[in-house]
Amino acid sequence: MAVTRLKRKDRKNHVTSRLEIKTLKLATNIELGSRSKQSKNDQLAKNNLLLDQLTAALRA
């Protein structure tokens, strides 16, 4: 199967979309003082609560 070169516009779109996805992934982290608070029913919050309980049990 032959490999064809992308046209300049398509190369630009490919790189731009890849960078936009990277930026969006980095921007989804919840920061302190952010207006978007993490939900208590969030799976990540449940995991953190369980890990805190386990570490407290190991220390005791």
Protein backbone atom coordinates (compact mmCIF):
# COMPACT_ATOMS: atom_id res chain seq x y z
CA MET A 1 0.00 0.00 0.00
CA ALA A 2 1.46 3.30 -1.04
CA VAL A 3 1.96 6.09 1.46
CA THR A 4 0.67 9.41 0.20
CA ARG A 5 1.82 12.75 1.48
CA LEU A 6 -0.78 14.92 3.10
CA LYS A 7 -1.41 18.27 1.52
CA ARG A 8 -0.19 21.29 3.44
CA LYS A 9 -3.66 22.19 4.73
CA ASP A 10 -4.25 18.65 5.98
CA ARG A 11 -0.85 18.53 7.68
CA LYS A 12 -1.63 21.81 9.45
CA ASN A 13 -5.05 20.55 10.54
CA HIS A 14 -3.56 17.31 11.82
CA VAL A 15 -0.93 19.07 13.92
CA THR A 16 -3.37 21.72 15.16
CA SER A 17 -5.97 19.17 16.24
CA ARG A 18 -3.32 17.09 18.01
CA LEU A 19 -2.10 20.15 19.92
CA GLU A 20 -5.66 21.17 20.79
CA ILE A 21 -6.37 17.72 22.23
CA LYS A 22 -3.16 17.89 24.26
CA THR A 23 -4.12 21.32 25.62
CA LEU A 24 -7.61 20.14 26.52
CA LYS A 25 -6.26 17.13 28.37
CA LEU A 26 -3.92 19.33 30.37
CA ALA A 27 -6.68 21.83 31.12
CA THR A 28 -9.03 19.26 32.65
CA ASN A 29 -7.07 18.99 35.89
CA ILE A 30 -8.95 20.40 38.85
CA GLU A 31 -6.94 23.15 40.50
CA LEU A 32 -7.33 24.56 43.97
CA GLY A 33 -9.58 27.57 43.96
CA SER A 34 -11.17 26.47 40.72
CA ARG A 35 -14.85 27.17 40.14
CA SER A 36 -15.36 23.57 39.08
CA LYS A 37 -15.37 21.65 42.34
CA GLN A 38 -14.86 17.92 42.33
CA SER A 39 -18.01 15.96 43.03
CA LYS A 40 -18.17 13.81 46.17
CA ASN A 41 -19.72 11.01 44.10
CA ASP A 42 -16.82 11.11 41.65
CA GLN A 43 -14.94 7.81 41.35
CA LEU A 44 -11.63 9.57 41.91
CA ALA A 45 -12.92 11.04 45.19
CA LYS A 46 -14.12 7.60 46.30
CA ASN A 47 -10.72 6.09 45.48
CA ASN A 48 -8.91 8.82 47.42
CA LEU A 49 -11.18 8.31 50.44
CA LEU A 50 -10.52 4.56 50.39
CA LEU A 51 -6.76 5.08 50.07
CA ASP A 52 -6.82 7.53 53.00
CA GLN A 53 -8.66 4.97 55.12
CA LEU A 54 -6.21 2.22 54.21
CA THR A 55 -3.15 4.32 54.98
CA ALA A 56 -4.68 5.38 58.31
CA ALA A 57 -5.34 1.72 59.15
CA LEU A 58 -1.75 0.78 58.31
CA ARG A 59 -0.34 3.58 60.46
CA ALA A 60 -2.46 2.62 63.47
